[in-house]
PDB file of N, CA and C in Angstrom:
ATOM      1  N   UNK A   1       9.748  -3.962 -33.825  1.00  0.00           N
ATOM      2  CA  UNK A   1       8.730  -3.932 -32.800  1.00  0.00           C
ATOM      3  C   UNK A   1       9.261  -3.131 -31.615  1.00  0.00           C
ATOM      4  N   UNK A   2       8.479  -2.209 -31.160  1.00  0.00           N
ATOM      5  CA  UNK A   2       8.882  -1.345 -30.059  1.00  0.00           C
ATOM      6  C   UNK A   2       8.264  -1.829 -28.754  1.00  0.00           C
ATOM      7  N   UNK A   3       9.084  -1.853 -27.716  1.00  0.00           N
ATOM      8  CA  UNK A   3       8.589  -2.245 -26.405  1.00  0.00           C
ATOM      9  C   UNK A   3       8.427  -1.042 -25.489  1.00  0.00           C
ATOM     10  N   UNK A   4       8.427   0.138 -26.081  1.00  0.00           N
ATOM     11  CA  UNK A   4       8.279   1.360 -25.294  1.00  0.00           C
ATOM     12  C   UNK A   4       6.861   1.431 -24.728  1.00  0.00           C
ATOM     13  N   UNK A   5       6.754   1.968 -23.545  1.00  0.00           N
ATOM     14  CA  UNK A   5       5.448   2.169 -22.925  1.00  0.00           C
ATOM     15  C   UNK A   5       5.511   3.451 -22.120  1.00  0.00           C
ATOM     16  N   UNK A   6       4.360   4.012 -21.866  1.00  0.00           N
ATOM     17  CA  UNK A   6       4.328   5.247 -21.093  1.00  0.00           C
ATOM     18  C   UNK A   6       4.211   4.927 -19.610  1.00  0.00           C
ATOM     19  N   UNK A   7       4.649   5.861 -18.799  1.00  0.00           N
ATOM     20  CA  UNK A   7       4.515   5.713 -17.355  1.00  0.00           C
ATOM     21  C   UNK A   7       3.045   5.584 -16.982  1.00  0.00           C
ATOM     22  N   UNK A   8       2.200   6.324 -17.699  1.00  0.00           N
ATOM     23  CA  UNK A   8       0.771   6.303 -17.409  1.00  0.00           C
ATOM     24  C   UNK A   8       0.203   4.878 -17.473  1.00  0.00           C
ATOM     25  N   UNK A   9       0.700   4.070 -18.384  1.00  0.00           N
ATOM     26  CA  UNK A   9       0.162   2.723 -18.552  1.00  0.00           C
ATOM     27  C   UNK A   9       0.548   1.774 -17.417  1.00  0.00           C
ATOM     28  N   UNK A  10       1.598   2.103 -16.672  1.00  0.00           N
ATOM     29  CA  UNK A  10       2.026   1.218 -15.587  1.00  0.00           C
ATOM     30  C   UNK A  10       1.724   1.784 -14.198  1.00  0.00           C
ATOM     31  N   UNK A  11       1.063   2.915 -14.146  1.00  0.00           N
ATOM     32  CA  UNK A  11       0.759   3.523 -12.842  1.00  0.00           C
ATOM     33  C   UNK A  11      -0.023   2.572 -11.939  1.00  0.00           C
ATOM     34  N   UNK A  12      -1.054   1.873 -12.423  1.00  0.00           N
ATOM     35  CA  UNK A  12      -1.746   0.946 -11.509  1.00  0.00           C
ATOM     36  C   UNK A  12      -0.804  -0.114 -10.924  1.00  0.00           C
ATOM     37  N   UNK A  13       0.132  -0.591 -11.713  1.00  0.00           N
ATOM     38  CA  UNK A  13       1.099  -1.564 -11.197  1.00  0.00           C
ATOM     39  C   UNK A  13       2.023  -0.933 -10.169  1.00  0.00           C
ATOM     40  N   UNK A  14       2.419   0.314 -10.415  1.00  0.00           N
ATOM     41  CA  UNK A  14       3.282   1.006  -9.458  1.00  0.00           C
ATOM     42  C   UNK A  14       2.555   1.305  -8.155  1.00  0.00           C
ATOM     43  N   UNK A  15       1.282   1.689  -8.246  1.00  0.00           N
ATOM     44  CA  UNK A  15       0.483   1.908  -7.038  1.00  0.00           C
ATOM     45  C   UNK A  15       0.373   0.595  -6.267  1.00  0.00           C
ATOM     46  N   UNK A  16       0.100  -0.490  -6.980  1.00  0.00           N
ATOM     47  CA  UNK A  16      -0.004  -1.797  -6.326  1.00  0.00           C
ATOM     48  C   UNK A  16       1.338  -2.202  -5.700  1.00  0.00           C
ATOM     49  N   UNK A  17       2.444  -1.928  -6.393  1.00  0.00           N
ATOM     50  CA  UNK A  17       3.764  -2.265  -5.856  1.00  0.00           C
ATOM     51  C   UNK A  17       4.057  -1.469  -4.587  1.00  0.00           C
ATOM     52  N   UNK A  18       3.736  -0.176  -4.617  1.00  0.00           N
ATOM     53  CA  UNK A  18       3.977   0.658  -3.445  1.00  0.00           C
ATOM     54  C   UNK A  18       3.091   0.229  -2.279  1.00  0.00           C
ATOM     55  N   UNK A  19       1.808   0.073  -2.549  1.00  0.00           N
ATOM     56  CA  UNK A  19       0.889  -0.348  -1.489  1.00  0.00           C
ATOM     57  C   UNK A  19       1.267  -1.737  -0.969  1.00  0.00           C
ATOM     58  N   UNK A  20       1.629  -2.619  -1.878  1.00  0.00           N
ATOM     59  CA  UNK A  20       2.062  -3.955  -1.472  1.00  0.00           C
ATOM     60  C   UNK A  20       3.315  -3.903  -0.618  1.00  0.00           C
ATOM     61  N   UNK A  21       4.232  -3.011  -0.981  1.00  0.00           N
ATOM     62  CA  UNK A  21       5.443  -2.847  -0.183  1.00  0.00           C
ATOM     63  C   UNK A  21       5.134  -2.406   1.233  1.00  0.00           C
ATOM     64  N   UNK A  22       4.251  -1.411   1.351  1.00  0.00           N
ATOM     65  CA  UNK A  22       3.867  -0.958   2.696  1.00  0.00           C
ATOM     66  C   UNK A  22       3.133  -2.060   3.461  1.00  0.00           C
ATOM     67  N   UNK A  23       2.307  -2.834   2.760  1.00  0.00           N
ATOM     68  CA  UNK A  23       1.601  -3.934   3.422  1.00  0.00           C
ATOM     69  C   UNK A  23       2.590  -4.996   3.899  1.00  0.00           C
ATOM     70  N   UNK A  24       3.601  -5.297   3.071  1.00  0.00           N
ATOM     71  CA  UNK A  24       4.636  -6.256   3.474  1.00  0.00           C
ATOM     72  C   UNK A  24       5.372  -5.747   4.712  1.00  0.00           C
ATOM     73  N   UNK A  25       5.687  -4.455   4.718  1.00  0.00           N
ATOM     74  CA  UNK A  25       6.355  -3.872   5.887  1.00  0.00           C
ATOM     75  C   UNK A  25       5.466  -3.962   7.120  1.00  0.00           C
ATOM     76  N   UNK A  26       4.163  -3.781   6.945  1.00  0.00           N
ATOM     77  CA  UNK A  26       3.232  -3.892   8.068  1.00  0.00           C
ATOM     78  C   UNK A  26       3.209  -5.317   8.621  1.00  0.00           C
ATOM     79  N   UNK A  27       3.220  -6.296   7.738  1.00  0.00           N
ATOM     80  CA  UNK A  27       3.298  -7.691   8.179  1.00  0.00           C
ATOM     81  C   UNK A  27       4.607  -7.906   8.951  1.00  0.00           C
ATOM     82  N   UNK A  28       5.671  -7.271   8.478  1.00  0.00           N
ATOM     83  CA  UNK A  28       6.948  -7.350   9.187  1.00  0.00           C
ATOM     84  C   UNK A  28       6.859  -6.760  10.580  1.00  0.00           C
ATOM     85  N   UNK A  29       6.197  -5.627  10.700  1.00  0.00           N
ATOM     86  CA  UNK A  29       6.038  -5.010  12.027  1.00  0.00           C
ATOM     87  C   UNK A  29       5.227  -5.902  12.950  1.00  0.00           C
ATOM     88  N   UNK A  30       4.168  -6.509  12.401  1.00  0.00           N
ATOM     89  CA  UNK A  30       3.350  -7.409  13.210  1.00  0.00           C
ATOM     90  C   UNK A  30       4.167  -8.630  13.626  1.00  0.00           C
ATOM     91  N   UNK A  31       4.984  -9.148  12.707  1.00  0.00           N
ATOM     92  CA  UNK A  31       5.852 -10.290  13.031  1.00  0.00           C
ATOM     93  C   UNK A  31       6.830  -9.927  14.143  1.00  0.00           C
ATOM     94  N   UNK A  32       7.411  -8.744  14.038  1.00  0.00           N
ATOM     95  CA  UNK A  32       8.347  -8.297  15.075  1.00  0.00           C
ATOM     96  C   UNK A  32       7.662  -8.165  16.419  1.00  0.00           C
ATOM     97  N   UNK A  33       6.433  -7.676  16.415  1.00  0.00           N
ATOM     98  CA  UNK A  33       5.710  -7.507  17.676  1.00  0.00           C
ATOM     99  C   UNK A  33       5.372  -8.842  18.320  1.00  0.00           C
ATOM    100  N   UNK A  34       5.388  -9.910  17.524  1.00  0.00           N
ATOM    101  CA  UNK A  34       5.142 -11.260  18.041  1.00  0.00           C
ATOM    102  C   UNK A  34       6.432 -12.010  18.343  1.00  0.00           C
ATOM    103  N   UNK A  35       7.570 -11.296  18.303  1.00  0.00           N
ATOM    104  CA  UNK A  35       8.834 -11.910  18.670  1.00  0.00           C
ATOM    105  C   UNK A  35       9.666 -12.439  17.518  1.00  0.00           C
ATOM    106  N   UNK A  36       9.175 -12.375  16.309  1.00  0.00           N
ATOM    107  CA  UNK A  36       9.925 -12.840  15.143  1.00  0.00           C
ATOM    108  C   UNK A  36      10.706 -11.664  14.557  1.00  0.00           C
ATOM    109  N   UNK A  37      11.726 -11.242  15.271  1.00  0.00           N
ATOM    110  CA  UNK A  37      12.465 -10.023  14.935  1.00  0.00           C
ATOM    111  C   UNK A  37      13.150 -10.120  13.576  1.00  0.00           C
ATOM    112  N   UNK A  38      13.861 -11.196  13.317  1.00  0.00           N
ATOM    113  CA  UNK A  38      14.594 -11.325  12.048  1.00  0.00           C
ATOM    114  C   UNK A  38      13.635 -11.308  10.856  1.00  0.00           C
ATOM    115  N   UNK A  39      12.561 -12.070  10.953  1.00  0.00           N
ATOM    116  CA  UNK A  39      11.564 -12.086   9.883  1.00  0.00           C
ATOM    117  C   UNK A  39      10.950 -10.704   9.720  1.00  0.00           C
ATOM    118  N   UNK A  40      10.619 -10.081  10.827  1.00  0.00           N
ATOM    119  CA  UNK A  40      10.007  -8.756  10.782  1.00  0.00           C
ATOM    120  C   UNK A  40      10.900  -7.720  10.141  1.00  0.00           C
ATOM    121  N   UNK A  41      12.164  -7.709  10.516  1.00  0.00           N
ATOM    122  CA  UNK A  41      13.107  -6.763   9.926  1.00  0.00           C
ATOM    123  C   UNK A  41      13.302  -7.026   8.432  1.00  0.00           C
ATOM    124  N   UNK A  42      13.385  -8.283   8.068  1.00  0.00           N
ATOM    125  CA  UNK A  42      13.551  -8.632   6.653  1.00  0.00           C
ATOM    126  C   UNK A  42      12.355  -8.151   5.838  1.00  0.00           C
ATOM    127  N   UNK A  43      11.161  -8.455   6.302  1.00  0.00           N
ATOM    128  CA  UNK A  43       9.955  -8.014   5.590  1.00  0.00           C
ATOM    129  C   UNK A  43       9.853  -6.494   5.568  1.00  0.00           C
ATOM    130  N   UNK A  44      10.216  -5.863   6.665  1.00  0.00           N
ATOM    131  CA  UNK A  44      10.170  -4.405   6.724  1.00  0.00           C
ATOM    132  C   UNK A  44      11.081  -3.764   5.694  1.00  0.00           C
ATOM    133  N   UNK A  45      12.306  -4.241   5.618  1.00  0.00           N
ATOM    134  CA  UNK A  45      13.259  -3.673   4.658  1.00  0.00           C
ATOM    135  C   UNK A  45      12.797  -3.932   3.222  1.00  0.00           C
ATOM    136  N   UNK A  46      12.399  -5.157   2.929  1.00  0.00           N
ATOM    137  CA  UNK A  46      11.929  -5.480   1.577  1.00  0.00           C
ATOM    138  C   UNK A  46      10.725  -4.615   1.210  1.00  0.00           C
ATOM    139  N   UNK A  47       9.779  -4.519   2.128  1.00  0.00           N
ATOM    140  CA  UNK A  47       8.572  -3.742   1.863  1.00  0.00           C
ATOM    141  C   UNK A  47       8.847  -2.266   1.631  1.00  0.00           C
ATOM    142  N   UNK A  48       9.659  -1.678   2.498  1.00  0.00           N
ATOM    143  CA  UNK A  48       9.949  -0.252   2.350  1.00  0.00           C
ATOM    144  C   UNK A  48      10.770   0.042   1.094  1.00  0.00           C
ATOM    145  N   UNK A  49      11.682  -0.838   0.727  1.00  0.00           N
ATOM    146  CA  UNK A  49      12.463  -0.638  -0.496  1.00  0.00           C
ATOM    147  C   UNK A  49      11.549  -0.719  -1.722  1.00  0.00           C
ATOM    148  N   UNK A  50      10.647  -1.687  -1.731  1.00  0.00           N
ATOM    149  CA  UNK A  50       9.694  -1.816  -2.838  1.00  0.00           C
ATOM    150  C   UNK A  50       8.812  -0.578  -2.948  1.00  0.00           C
ATOM    151  N   UNK A  51       8.261  -0.135  -1.826  1.00  0.00           N
ATOM    152  CA  UNK A  51       7.398   1.049  -1.826  1.00  0.00           C
ATOM    153  C   UNK A  51       8.170   2.295  -2.251  1.00  0.00           C
ATOM    154  N   UNK A  52       9.367   2.455  -1.731  1.00  0.00           N
ATOM    155  CA  UNK A  52      10.200   3.608  -2.051  1.00  0.00           C
ATOM    156  C   UNK A  52      10.476   3.670  -3.554  1.00  0.00           C
ATOM    157  N   UNK A  53      10.900   2.560  -4.119  1.00  0.00           N
ATOM    158  CA  UNK A  53      11.218   2.527  -5.543  1.00  0.00           C
ATOM    159  C   UNK A  53      10.021   2.850  -6.416  1.00  0.00           C
ATOM    160  N   UNK A  54       8.888   2.248  -6.114  1.00  0.00           N
ATOM    161  CA  UNK A  54       7.677   2.493  -6.916  1.00  0.00           C
ATOM    162  C   UNK A  54       7.233   3.948  -6.810  1.00  0.00           C
ATOM    163  N   UNK A  55       7.305   4.511  -5.619  1.00  0.00           N
ATOM    164  CA  UNK A  55       6.872   5.896  -5.453  1.00  0.00           C
ATOM    165  C   UNK A  55       7.822   6.883  -6.123  1.00  0.00           C
ATOM    166  N   UNK A  56       9.107   6.612  -6.088  1.00  0.00           N
ATOM    167  CA  UNK A  56      10.056   7.503  -6.765  1.00  0.00           C
ATOM    168  C   UNK A  56       9.737   7.569  -8.255  1.00  0.00           C
ATOM    169  N   UNK A  57       9.459   6.418  -8.850  1.00  0.00           N
ATOM    170  CA  UNK A  57       9.117   6.394 -10.276  1.00  0.00           C
ATOM    171  C   UNK A  57       7.853   7.205 -10.535  1.00  0.00           C
ATOM    172  N   UNK A  58       6.838   7.021  -9.709  1.00  0.00           N
ATOM    173  CA  UNK A  58       5.581   7.767  -9.907  1.00  0.00           C
ATOM    174  C   UNK A  58       5.769   9.257  -9.681  1.00  0.00           C
ATOM    175  N   UNK A  59       6.564   9.628  -8.678  1.00  0.00           N
ATOM    176  CA  UNK A  59       6.734  11.043  -8.352  1.00  0.00           C
ATOM    177  C   UNK A  59       7.524  11.806  -9.410  1.00  0.00           C
ATOM    178  N   UNK A  60       8.183  11.103 -10.307  1.00  0.00           N
ATOM    179  CA  UNK A  60       8.863  11.779 -11.411  1.00  0.00           C
ATOM    180  C   UNK A  60       7.868  12.435 -12.352  1.00  0.00           C
ATOM    181  N   UNK A  61       6.635  11.940 -12.349  1.00  0.00           N
ATOM    182  CA  UNK A  61       5.641  12.444 -13.299  1.00  0.00           C
ATOM    183  C   UNK A  61       4.403  13.030 -12.635  1.00  0.00           C
ATOM    184  N   UNK A  62       4.039  12.526 -11.489  1.00  0.00           N
ATOM    185  CA  UNK A  62       2.775  12.909 -10.862  1.00  0.00           C
ATOM    186  C   UNK A  62       3.009  13.651  -9.552  1.00  0.00           C
ATOM    187  N   UNK A  63       2.040  14.469  -9.180  1.00  0.00           N
ATOM    188  CA  UNK A  63       2.111  15.223  -7.940  1.00  0.00           C
ATOM    189  C   UNK A  63       2.035  14.287  -6.737  1.00  0.00           C
ATOM    190  N   UNK A  64       2.716  14.677  -5.674  1.00  0.00           N
ATOM    191  CA  UNK A  64       2.731  13.903  -4.443  1.00  0.00           C
ATOM    192  C   UNK A  64       1.320  13.647  -3.928  1.00  0.00           C
ATOM    193  N   UNK A  65       0.459  14.646  -3.990  1.00  0.00           N
ATOM    194  CA  UNK A  65      -0.890  14.484  -3.450  1.00  0.00           C
ATOM    195  C   UNK A  65      -1.652  13.362  -4.156  1.00  0.00           C
ATOM    196  N   UNK A  66      -1.528  13.262  -5.469  1.00  0.00           N
ATOM    197  CA  UNK A  66      -2.230  12.203  -6.203  1.00  0.00           C
ATOM    198  C   UNK A  66      -1.630  10.829  -5.918  1.00  0.00           C
ATOM    199  N   UNK A  67      -0.319  10.764  -5.891  1.00  0.00           N
ATOM    200  CA  UNK A  67       0.355   9.496  -5.615  1.00  0.00           C
ATOM    201  C   UNK A  67      -0.001   9.022  -4.202  1.00  0.00           C
ATOM    202  N   UNK A  68       0.058   9.924  -3.249  1.00  0.00           N
ATOM    203  CA  UNK A  68      -0.208   9.569  -1.861  1.00  0.00           C
ATOM    204  C   UNK A  68      -1.627   9.033  -1.678  1.00  0.00           C
ATOM    205  N   UNK A  69      -2.596   9.709  -2.268  1.00  0.00           N
ATOM    206  CA  UNK A  69      -3.990   9.283  -2.123  1.00  0.00           C
ATOM    207  C   UNK A  69      -4.188   7.894  -2.713  1.00  0.00           C
ATOM    208  N   UNK A  70      -3.645   7.655  -3.887  1.00  0.00           N
ATOM    209  CA  UNK A  70      -3.809   6.347  -4.525  1.00  0.00           C
ATOM    210  C   UNK A  70      -3.142   5.248  -3.707  1.00  0.00           C
ATOM    211  N   UNK A  71      -1.938   5.511  -3.238  1.00  0.00           N
ATOM    212  CA  UNK A  71      -1.196   4.491  -2.486  1.00  0.00           C
ATOM    213  C   UNK A  71      -1.855   4.220  -1.142  1.00  0.00           C
ATOM    214  N   UNK A  72      -2.269   5.256  -0.435  1.00  0.00           N
ATOM    215  CA  UNK A  72      -2.847   5.043   0.893  1.00  0.00           C
ATOM    216  C   UNK A  72      -4.183   4.300   0.805  1.00  0.00           C
ATOM    217  N   UNK A  73      -4.955   4.553  -0.242  1.00  0.00           N
ATOM    218  CA  UNK A  73      -6.218   3.828  -0.418  1.00  0.00           C
ATOM    219  C   UNK A  73      -5.950   2.348  -0.678  1.00  0.00           C
ATOM    220  N   UNK A  74      -5.021   2.063  -1.584  1.00  0.00           N
ATOM    221  CA  UNK A  74      -4.700   0.668  -1.898  1.00  0.00           C
ATOM    222  C   UNK A  74      -4.069  -0.038  -0.694  1.00  0.00           C
ATOM    223  N   UNK A  75      -3.168   0.659  -0.017  1.00  0.00           N
ATOM    224  CA  UNK A  75      -2.519   0.069   1.158  1.00  0.00           C
ATOM    225  C   UNK A  75      -3.543  -0.246   2.240  1.00  0.00           C
ATOM    226  N   UNK A  76      -4.463   0.667   2.458  1.00  0.00           N
ATOM    227  CA  UNK A  76      -5.495   0.453   3.484  1.00  0.00           C
ATOM    228  C   UNK A  76      -6.286  -0.816   3.201  1.00  0.00           C
ATOM    229  N   UNK A  77      -6.650  -1.022   1.956  1.00  0.00           N
ATOM    230  CA  UNK A  77      -7.421  -2.217   1.608  1.00  0.00           C
ATOM    231  C   UNK A  77      -6.595  -3.490   1.839  1.00  0.00           C
ATOM    232  N   UNK A  78      -5.325  -3.459   1.477  1.00  0.00           N
ATOM    233  CA  UNK A  78      -4.466  -4.628   1.680  1.00  0.00           C
ATOM    234  C   UNK A  78      -4.265  -4.938   3.157  1.00  0.00           C
ATOM    235  N   UNK A  79      -4.019  -3.917   3.956  1.00  0.00           N
ATOM    236  CA  UNK A  79      -3.787  -4.133   5.383  1.00  0.00           C
ATOM    237  C   UNK A  79      -5.069  -4.601   6.076  1.00  0.00           C
ATOM    238  N   UNK A  80      -6.208  -4.044   5.682  1.00  0.00           N
ATOM    239  CA  UNK A  80      -7.470  -4.512   6.264  1.00  0.00           C
ATOM    240  C   UNK A  80      -7.731  -5.973   5.902  1.00  0.00           C
ATOM    241  N   UNK A  81      -7.414  -6.353   4.678  1.00  0.00           N
ATOM    242  CA  UNK A  81      -7.580  -7.756   4.280  1.00  0.00           C
ATOM    243  C   UNK A  81      -6.658  -8.658   5.104  1.00  0.00           C
ATOM    244  N   UNK A  82      -5.413  -8.207   5.319  1.00  0.00           N
ATOM    245  CA  UNK A  82      -4.477  -8.988   6.135  1.00  0.00           C
ATOM    246  C   UNK A  82      -4.980  -9.107   7.574  1.00  0.00           C
ATOM    247  N   UNK A  83      -5.463  -8.008   8.127  1.00  0.00           N
ATOM    248  CA  UNK A  83      -5.972  -8.035   9.501  1.00  0.00           C
ATOM    249  C   UNK A  83      -7.128  -9.027   9.625  1.00  0.00           C
ATOM    250  N   UNK A  84      -8.008  -9.030   8.641  1.00  0.00           N
ATOM    251  CA  UNK A  84      -9.124  -9.973   8.649  1.00  0.00           C
ATOM    252  C   UNK A  84      -8.596 -11.411   8.576  1.00  0.00           C
ATOM    253  N   UNK A  85      -7.608 -11.629   7.718  1.00  0.00           N
ATOM    254  CA  UNK A  85      -7.034 -12.967   7.518  1.00  0.00           C
ATOM    255  C   UNK A  85      -6.424 -13.515   8.806  1.00  0.00           C
ATOM    256  N   UNK A  86      -5.772 -12.670   9.588  1.00  0.00           N
ATOM    257  CA  UNK A  86      -5.129 -13.154  10.819  1.00  0.00           C
ATOM    258  C   UNK A  86      -6.059 -13.074  12.032  1.00  0.00           C
ATOM    259  N   UNK A  87      -7.323 -12.768  11.784  1.00  0.00           N
ATOM    260  CA  UNK A  87      -8.297 -12.767  12.868  1.00  0.00           C
ATOM    261  C   UNK A  87      -8.377 -11.480  13.651  1.00  0.00           C
ATOM    262  N   UNK A  88      -7.848 -10.400  13.089  1.00  0.00           N
ATOM    263  CA  UNK A  88      -7.908  -9.108  13.763  1.00  0.00           C
ATOM    264  C   UNK A  88      -8.740  -8.121  12.954  1.00  0.00           C
ATOM    265  N   UNK A  89      -9.781  -8.636  12.344  1.00  0.00           N
ATOM    266  CA  UNK A  89     -10.649  -7.792  11.523  1.00  0.00           C
ATOM    267  C   UNK A  89     -11.383  -6.754  12.340  1.00  0.00           C
ATOM    268  N   UNK A  90     -12.033  -5.879  11.637  1.00  0.00           N
ATOM    269  CA  UNK A  90     -12.767  -4.787  12.263  1.00  0.00           C
ATOM    270  C   UNK A  90     -14.209  -5.180  12.512  1.00  0.00           C
ATOM    271  N   UNK A  91     -14.862  -4.431  13.369  1.00  0.00           N
ATOM    272  CA  UNK A  91     -16.297  -4.614  13.565  1.00  0.00           C
ATOM    273  C   UNK A  91     -17.008  -4.024  12.349  1.00  0.00           C
ATOM    274  N   UNK A  92     -18.274  -4.361  12.145  1.00  0.00           N
ATOM    275  CA  UNK A  92     -19.000  -3.778  11.014  1.00  0.00           C
ATOM    276  C   UNK A  92     -18.967  -2.243  11.020  1.00  0.00           C
ATOM    277  N   UNK A  93     -19.069  -1.647  12.177  1.00  0.00           N
ATOM    278  CA  UNK A  93     -19.018  -0.179  12.271  1.00  0.00           C
ATOM    279  C   UNK A  93     -17.648   0.356  11.854  1.00  0.00           C
ATOM    280  N   UNK A  94     -16.596  -0.329  12.271  1.00  0.00           N
ATOM    281  CA  UNK A  94     -15.249   0.090  11.892  1.00  0.00           C
ATOM    282  C   UNK A  94     -15.012  -0.101  10.393  1.00  0.00           C
ATOM    283  N   UNK A  95     -15.539  -1.192   9.820  1.00  0.00           N
ATOM    284  CA  UNK A  95     -15.429  -1.379   8.369  1.00  0.00           C
ATOM    285  C   UNK A  95     -16.156  -0.259   7.620  1.00  0.00           C
ATOM    286  N   UNK A  96     -17.302   0.142   8.115  1.00  0.00           N
ATOM    287  CA  UNK A  96     -18.027   1.246   7.486  1.00  0.00           C
ATOM    288  C   UNK A  96     -17.194   2.523   7.539  1.00  0.00           C
ATOM    289  N   UNK A  97     -16.591   2.786   8.664  1.00  0.00           N
ATOM    290  CA  UNK A  97     -15.730   3.961   8.785  1.00  0.00           C
ATOM    291  C   UNK A  97     -14.539   3.893   7.851  1.00  0.00           C
ATOM    292  N   UNK A  98     -13.913   2.728   7.760  1.00  0.00           N
ATOM    293  CA  UNK A  98     -12.775   2.553   6.855  1.00  0.00           C
ATOM    294  C   UNK A  98     -13.212   2.742   5.409  1.00  0.00           C
ATOM    295  N   UNK A  99     -14.368   2.205   5.060  1.00  0.00           N
ATOM    296  CA  UNK A  99     -14.886   2.385   3.705  1.00  0.00           C
ATOM    297  C   UNK A  99     -15.116   3.864   3.406  1.00  0.00           C
ATOM    298  N   UNK A 100     -15.642   4.593   4.376  1.00  0.00           N
ATOM    299  CA  UNK A 100     -15.887   6.025   4.176  1.00  0.00           C
ATOM    300  C   UNK A 100     -14.579   6.789   3.963  1.00  0.00           C
ATOM    301  N   UNK A 101     -13.548   6.413   4.681  1.00  0.00           N
ATOM    302  CA  UNK A 101     -12.231   7.055   4.511  1.00  0.00           C
ATOM    303  C   UNK A 101     -11.693   6.782   3.115  1.00  0.00           C
ATOM    304  N   UNK A 102     -11.739   5.514   2.695  1.00  0.00           N
ATOM    305  CA  UNK A 102     -11.240   5.159   1.364  1.00  0.00           C
ATOM    306  C   UNK A 102     -12.085   5.833   0.281  1.00  0.00           C
ATOM    307  N   UNK A 103     -13.399   5.870   0.463  1.00  0.00           N
ATOM    308  CA  UNK A 103     -14.257   6.544  -0.511  1.00  0.00           C
ATOM    309  C   UNK A 103     -13.940   8.031  -0.568  1.00  0.00           C
ATOM    310  N   UNK A 104     -13.674   8.627   0.574  1.00  0.00           N
ATOM    311  CA  UNK A 104     -13.287  10.042   0.604  1.00  0.00           C
ATOM    312  C   UNK A 104     -11.973  10.280  -0.119  1.00  0.00           C
ATOM    313  N   UNK A 105     -11.017   9.390   0.074  1.00  0.00           N
ATOM    314  CA  UNK A 105      -9.744   9.502  -0.651  1.00  0.00           C
ATOM    315  C   UNK A 105      -9.958   9.395  -2.147  1.00  0.00           C
ATOM    316  N   UNK A 106     -10.811   8.466  -2.556  1.00  0.00           N
ATOM    317  CA  UNK A 106     -11.091   8.294  -3.978  1.00  0.00           C
ATOM    318  C   UNK A 106     -11.782   9.533  -4.547  1.00  0.00           C
ATOM    319  N   UNK A 107     -12.682  10.119  -3.774  1.00  0.00           N
ATOM    320  CA  UNK A 107     -13.382  11.326  -4.238  1.00  0.00           C
ATOM    321  C   UNK A 107     -12.424  12.506  -4.392  1.00  0.00           C
ATOM    322  N   UNK A 108     -11.495  12.629  -3.485  1.00  0.00           N
ATOM    323  CA  UNK A 108     -10.515  13.715  -3.555  1.00  0.00           C
ATOM    324  C   UNK A 108      -9.592  13.519  -4.754  1.00  0.00           C
ATOM    325  N   UNK A 109      -9.235  12.274  -5.034  1.00  0.00           N
ATOM    326  CA  UNK A 109      -8.299  11.978  -6.113  1.00  0.00           C
ATOM    327  C   UNK A 109      -8.939  12.101  -7.493  1.00  0.00           C
ATOM    328  N   UNK A 110     -10.256  12.013  -7.554  1.00  0.00           N
ATOM    329  CA  UNK A 110     -10.953  12.025  -8.866  1.00  0.00           C
ATOM    330  C   UNK A 110     -10.917  13.376  -9.528  1.00  0.00           C
TER     331      UNK A 110
END
């Protein structure tokens, strides 16, 4: 039985890992801005290392432009969800604008 798999089959997981890493780092930055420096630095380092590793793997096979668009779209959705969760959500007009940006990224990547 072979456990070999192609990079193509794990790209969604790598995009999620990279976007999740950046989102974790963003939570770290927010924590630091609220005075929780140690927690913020820890989350920042963990997040950036996770994002860095996932992107390096993807960039071995795919163009930077495609990887960047996919990661930034996923990261944007995660960070917006976090902002909403902590009570710093956007107004309906701002959500519409954010949706248009993400839709534009998706259109460019297609």
